[in-house]
């Protein structure tokens, strides 16, 4: 369990005052993603983490308080403090849904994340969770990329190296952190790592839908994620086991920069 994630959820509820009805229409826990859709079609997603055998007890607790879709969004956000990864997945999806309902999308950067990042050949870039399009782009530029991702297969690309611990990334100049990291129990160590990074600290990916100011307060300087624009199809894709590769056409990417 991450104390940083629990505190993040608590700050979200204090910082963001509900501006509209937040009635849940549907909750889907898919193989790759968990999604929560509100009645007004606002949708938040989170990486679904189910890989630990110790989480089996968590599965039994999912409907302990009744159907998830019959509970309030605030109740589901409280799962961010759960010791069980499957429940944290629901909690982060709820937190992201709450954030998406209150983000002002009229004030976002139209730049691509790479334009903002401005990589140079002498950089050493860290990555928590392999953001494949970006790691491949950087590797083709000859930029050294160090990746922490326990699900990543071995690679033969010489400029990409895999590391085993968060602390192995303390020497990098800039770092990309996948939003899926919110669900993992090492999220506290990841936030501590940010204090060692002098360059850009980018929270990125479909699971990085939290309110940007909350991410900036954690130490990130850039937030790049996706707004769901077709909630029905996105939820159907998640329900049938699809990942971002399949539902990204139903999203709009956005970037927020820390002022």
Protein backbone atom coordinates (compact mmCIF):
# COMPACT_ATOMS: atom_id res chain seq x y z
CA UNK A 1 0.00 0.00 0.00
CA UNK A 2 1.27 3.48 -0.88
CA UNK A 3 0.84 6.24 1.67
CA UNK A 4 1.48 8.76 -1.12
CA UNK A 5 -1.48 7.42 -3.10
CA UNK A 6 -3.75 7.52 -0.04
CA UNK A 7 -2.66 11.10 0.67
CA UNK A 8 -3.14 12.00 -2.99
CA UNK A 9 -6.74 10.80 -2.86
CA UNK A 10 -7.32 12.72 0.36
CA UNK A 11 -5.89 15.93 -1.13
CA UNK A 12 -8.03 15.50 -4.25
CA UNK A 13 -11.21 15.42 -2.22
CA UNK A 14 -10.14 18.52 -0.27
CA UNK A 15 -8.74 20.45 -3.22
CA UNK A 16 -11.39 19.72 -5.85
CA UNK A 17 -14.88 20.66 -4.76
CA UNK A 18 -17.63 18.73 -6.61
CA UNK A 19 -19.11 20.98 -9.26
CA UNK A 20 -21.77 18.61 -10.59
CA UNK A 21 -23.54 15.34 -9.99
CA UNK A 22 -21.14 12.41 -9.99
CA UNK A 23 -23.46 9.44 -10.38
CA UNK A 24 -21.78 6.25 -11.56
CA UNK A 25 -23.19 4.60 -14.68
CA UNK A 26 -20.79 1.68 -15.05
CA UNK A 27 -17.69 0.10 -13.51
CA UNK A 28 -15.62 -2.35 -15.55
CA UNK A 29 -12.59 -4.28 -14.31
CA UNK A 30 -10.89 -5.55 -17.44
CA UNK A 31 -7.80 -7.67 -17.89
CA UNK A 32 -5.63 -4.64 -18.68
CA UNK A 33 -7.61 -1.61 -17.53
CA UNK A 34 -10.28 -0.67 -15.05
CA UNK A 35 -12.79 1.96 -16.15
CA UNK A 36 -15.44 4.03 -14.40
CA UNK A 37 -18.06 5.92 -16.41
CA UNK A 38 -20.35 8.55 -14.93
CA UNK A 39 -23.89 9.19 -16.13
CA UNK A 40 -22.68 12.31 -17.95
CA UNK A 41 -20.14 10.05 -19.79
CA UNK A 42 -17.08 11.40 -17.96
CA UNK A 43 -14.74 8.41 -17.81
CA UNK A 44 -11.56 7.61 -15.92
CA UNK A 45 -9.32 4.59 -16.33
CA UNK A 46 -6.54 2.86 -14.47
CA UNK A 47 -4.13 0.05 -15.13
CA UNK A 48 -5.51 -3.18 -13.63
CA UNK A 49 -2.92 -4.82 -11.38
CA UNK A 50 -3.79 -8.41 -10.53
CA UNK A 51 -0.47 -10.21 -10.70
CA UNK A 52 0.17 -10.97 -7.03
CA UNK A 53 -1.16 -14.17 -5.55
CA UNK A 54 -1.59 -12.39 -2.21
CA UNK A 55 -4.31 -10.29 -3.85
CA UNK A 56 -6.72 -13.21 -4.03
CA UNK A 57 -8.32 -12.03 -0.79
CA UNK A 58 -8.80 -8.67 -2.47
CA UNK A 59 -10.97 -10.23 -5.17
CA UNK A 60 -13.36 -11.47 -2.49
CA UNK A 61 -13.60 -7.95 -1.08
CA UNK A 62 -14.55 -6.31 -4.39
CA UNK A 63 -18.30 -6.70 -3.87
CA UNK A 64 -18.14 -6.81 -0.09
CA UNK A 65 -20.09 -3.53 0.10
CA UNK A 66 -22.39 -4.33 -2.81
CA UNK A 67 -22.02 -3.67 -6.53
CA UNK A 68 -19.32 -1.10 -7.22
CA UNK A 69 -21.59 0.81 -9.58
CA UNK A 70 -24.14 1.22 -6.76
CA UNK A 71 -21.57 2.88 -4.50
CA UNK A 72 -20.60 6.54 -4.60
CA UNK A 73 -17.54 7.72 -6.48
CA UNK A 74 -16.16 8.96 -3.16
CA UNK A 75 -16.47 5.48 -1.65
CA UNK A 76 -14.51 4.03 -4.57
CA UNK A 77 -11.78 6.67 -4.25
CA UNK A 78 -11.18 5.39 -0.73
CA UNK A 79 -9.90 2.14 -2.26
CA UNK A 80 -6.70 4.07 -3.06
CA UNK A 81 -5.64 3.24 0.51
CA UNK A 82 -6.29 -0.51 0.12
CA UNK A 83 -3.45 -3.01 0.62
CA UNK A 84 -4.89 -4.99 -2.31
CA UNK A 85 -3.75 -4.04 -5.82
CA UNK A 86 -7.07 -4.93 -7.45
CA UNK A 87 -8.89 -2.52 -5.13
CA UNK A 88 -6.26 0.19 -5.68
CA UNK A 89 -6.94 -0.19 -9.41
CA UNK A 90 -10.58 0.68 -8.73
CA UNK A 91 -9.50 3.52 -6.43
CA UNK A 92 -7.20 5.08 -9.01
CA UNK A 93 -9.83 4.76 -11.74
CA UNK A 94 -12.26 6.56 -9.40
CA UNK A 95 -9.69 9.23 -8.58
CA UNK A 96 -9.04 9.73 -12.29
CA UNK A 97 -12.76 9.94 -13.01
CA UNK A 98 -13.19 12.57 -10.30
CA UNK A 99 -10.24 14.52 -11.73
CA UNK A 100 -11.48 14.28 -15.31
CA UNK A 101 -14.84 15.68 -14.23
CA UNK A 102 -13.13 18.84 -12.98
CA UNK A 103 -10.21 19.50 -15.34
CA UNK A 104 -10.49 22.60 -17.52
CA UNK A 105 -9.56 21.26 -20.92
CA UNK A 106 -9.67 24.70 -22.51
CA UNK A 107 -6.21 25.48 -21.14
CA UNK A 108 -4.04 22.63 -22.42
CA UNK A 109 -0.89 22.53 -24.51
CA UNK A 110 -1.28 21.45 -28.11
CA UNK A 111 2.35 20.34 -28.24
CA UNK A 112 3.42 16.72 -28.47
CA UNK A 113 5.18 15.37 -25.38
CA UNK A 114 8.43 14.92 -27.36
CA UNK A 115 8.33 18.58 -28.45
CA UNK A 116 8.10 19.58 -24.82
CA UNK A 117 10.75 17.11 -23.73
CA UNK A 118 13.35 18.22 -26.35
CA UNK A 119 15.72 15.23 -26.07
CA UNK A 120 19.45 15.66 -26.72
CA UNK A 121 22.02 12.92 -27.49
CA UNK A 122 23.90 13.34 -24.20
CA UNK A 123 20.84 12.69 -22.04
CA UNK A 124 20.24 9.68 -19.85
CA UNK A 125 16.50 9.10 -19.63
CA UNK A 126 14.74 7.01 -17.03
CA UNK A 127 11.39 5.34 -17.50
CA UNK A 128 9.12 3.64 -14.98
CA UNK A 129 6.83 1.49 -17.05
CA UNK A 130 7.96 1.09 -20.64
CA UNK A 131 6.22 3.73 -22.75
CA UNK A 132 7.17 1.89 -25.91
CA UNK A 133 6.66 4.59 -28.58
CA UNK A 134 8.79 7.03 -26.58
CA UNK A 135 11.52 4.57 -25.56
CA UNK A 136 11.83 3.39 -29.16
CA UNK A 137 11.95 6.97 -30.48
CA UNK A 138 14.68 7.91 -27.98
CA UNK A 139 16.64 4.73 -28.68
CA UNK A 140 16.63 5.44 -32.42
CA UNK A 141 18.12 8.83 -31.59
CA UNK A 142 20.93 7.07 -29.74
CA UNK A 143 19.76 8.35 -26.37
CA UNK A 144 20.45 6.12 -23.37
CA UNK A 145 17.18 4.87 -21.82
CA UNK A 146 16.98 2.97 -18.53
CA UNK A 147 13.66 1.26 -17.88
CA UNK A 148 12.10 -0.23 -14.76
CA UNK A 149 9.24 -2.48 -15.83
CA UNK A 150 8.81 -5.99 -14.48
CA UNK A 151 6.49 -6.92 -17.35
CA UNK A 152 8.89 -5.78 -20.08
CA UNK A 153 10.45 -8.53 -22.21
CA UNK A 154 14.19 -8.53 -22.82
CA UNK A 155 15.36 -6.20 -25.57
CA UNK A 156 18.30 -6.28 -27.97
CA UNK A 157 18.33 -2.51 -28.49
CA UNK A 158 21.75 -1.43 -27.27
CA UNK A 159 20.75 2.00 -25.97
CA UNK A 160 17.96 0.56 -23.80
CA UNK A 161 18.87 -1.08 -20.51
CA UNK A 162 16.56 -2.62 -17.94
CA UNK A 163 16.96 -1.95 -14.22
CA UNK A 164 15.57 -3.78 -11.21
CA UNK A 165 15.05 -1.11 -8.56
CA UNK A 166 13.68 2.42 -8.37
CA UNK A 167 17.00 3.54 -6.85
CA UNK A 168 18.81 2.45 -10.04
CA UNK A 169 17.24 5.48 -11.74
CA UNK A 170 18.70 8.10 -9.39
CA UNK A 171 21.45 8.86 -11.94
CA UNK A 172 19.18 9.75 -14.87
CA UNK A 173 18.71 13.32 -16.09
CA UNK A 174 15.00 13.16 -16.92
CA UNK A 175 12.28 10.64 -16.20
CA UNK A 176 8.99 9.41 -17.61
CA UNK A 177 6.66 7.74 -15.13
CA UNK A 178 3.72 5.76 -16.46
CA UNK A 179 0.43 6.55 -14.76
CA UNK A 180 0.14 2.84 -14.06
CA UNK A 181 2.75 3.40 -11.32
CA UNK A 182 0.00 4.89 -9.17
CA UNK A 183 -1.36 1.40 -8.55
CA UNK A 184 1.92 -0.27 -7.57
CA UNK A 185 3.04 -0.57 -3.96
CA UNK A 186 6.40 1.11 -4.72
CA UNK A 187 4.76 4.43 -5.62
CA UNK A 188 6.18 6.05 -2.47
CA UNK A 189 9.72 5.23 -3.61
CA UNK A 190 8.95 6.63 -7.05
CA UNK A 191 7.86 9.96 -5.56
CA UNK A 192 11.02 10.03 -3.43
CA UNK A 193 13.05 9.40 -6.59
CA UNK A 194 11.74 12.61 -8.17
CA UNK A 195 13.79 14.68 -5.72
CA UNK A 196 16.96 13.22 -7.28
CA UNK A 197 16.04 14.18 -10.84
CA UNK A 198 17.15 17.63 -12.00
CA UNK A 199 15.46 17.59 -15.41
CA UNK A 200 11.90 17.03 -16.55
CA UNK A 201 9.71 14.68 -14.55
CA UNK A 202 6.83 13.53 -16.72
CA UNK A 203 3.74 11.62 -15.59
CA UNK A 204 2.29 10.06 -18.72
CA UNK A 205 -0.20 7.58 -20.09
CA UNK A 206 -3.92 6.80 -19.94
CA UNK A 207 -3.74 6.13 -16.18
CA UNK A 208 -2.22 9.59 -15.56
CA UNK A 209 -5.59 11.35 -15.60
CA UNK A 210 -5.29 12.88 -12.12
CA UNK A 211 -5.84 16.60 -11.65
CA UNK A 212 -2.57 18.19 -12.89
CA UNK A 213 -1.96 20.32 -9.79
CA UNK A 214 -1.98 17.19 -7.65
CA UNK A 215 0.74 15.70 -9.87
CA UNK A 216 2.75 18.92 -9.74
CA UNK A 217 2.54 18.92 -5.94
CA UNK A 218 4.07 15.42 -5.98
CA UNK A 219 7.08 16.76 -7.92
CA UNK A 220 6.14 16.20 -11.55
CA UNK A 221 6.72 19.01 -14.03
CA UNK A 222 4.65 17.68 -16.94
CA UNK A 223 1.43 15.65 -17.11
CA UNK A 224 0.43 13.99 -20.37
CA UNK A 225 -2.64 11.79 -20.60
CA UNK A 226 -5.80 11.17 -22.60
CA UNK A 227 -9.37 12.37 -22.28
CA UNK A 228 -12.01 9.76 -23.12
CA UNK A 229 -14.29 11.17 -25.82
CA UNK A 230 -16.29 8.01 -26.59
CA UNK A 231 -17.05 6.46 -23.24
CA UNK A 232 -19.36 3.69 -24.48
CA UNK A 233 -16.84 2.18 -26.89
CA UNK A 234 -13.94 2.68 -24.50
CA UNK A 235 -15.76 0.83 -21.71
CA UNK A 236 -16.75 -1.97 -24.09
CA UNK A 237 -13.13 -2.38 -25.20
CA UNK A 238 -11.94 -2.49 -21.59
CA UNK A 239 -14.70 -4.95 -20.67
CA UNK A 240 -13.62 -7.30 -23.45
CA UNK A 241 -9.95 -7.24 -22.46
CA UNK A 242 -8.61 -4.53 -24.76
CA UNK A 243 -5.90 -2.08 -23.82
CA UNK A 244 -4.96 1.46 -24.79
CA UNK A 245 -3.86 0.27 -28.23
CA UNK A 246 -7.54 -0.34 -29.00
CA UNK A 247 -9.30 2.51 -27.20
CA UNK A 248 -6.83 5.33 -27.93
CA UNK A 249 -8.80 6.25 -31.09
CA UNK A 250 -11.63 7.17 -28.73
CA UNK A 251 -9.46 9.62 -26.76
CA UNK A 252 -7.86 13.02 -27.11
CA UNK A 253 -4.33 13.45 -25.80
CA UNK A 254 -3.51 16.45 -23.66
CA UNK A 255 -0.48 17.92 -21.89
CA UNK A 256 -0.28 20.21 -18.86
CA UNK A 257 2.95 22.02 -17.91
CA UNK A 258 3.84 23.20 -14.44
CA UNK A 259 4.05 26.97 -14.42
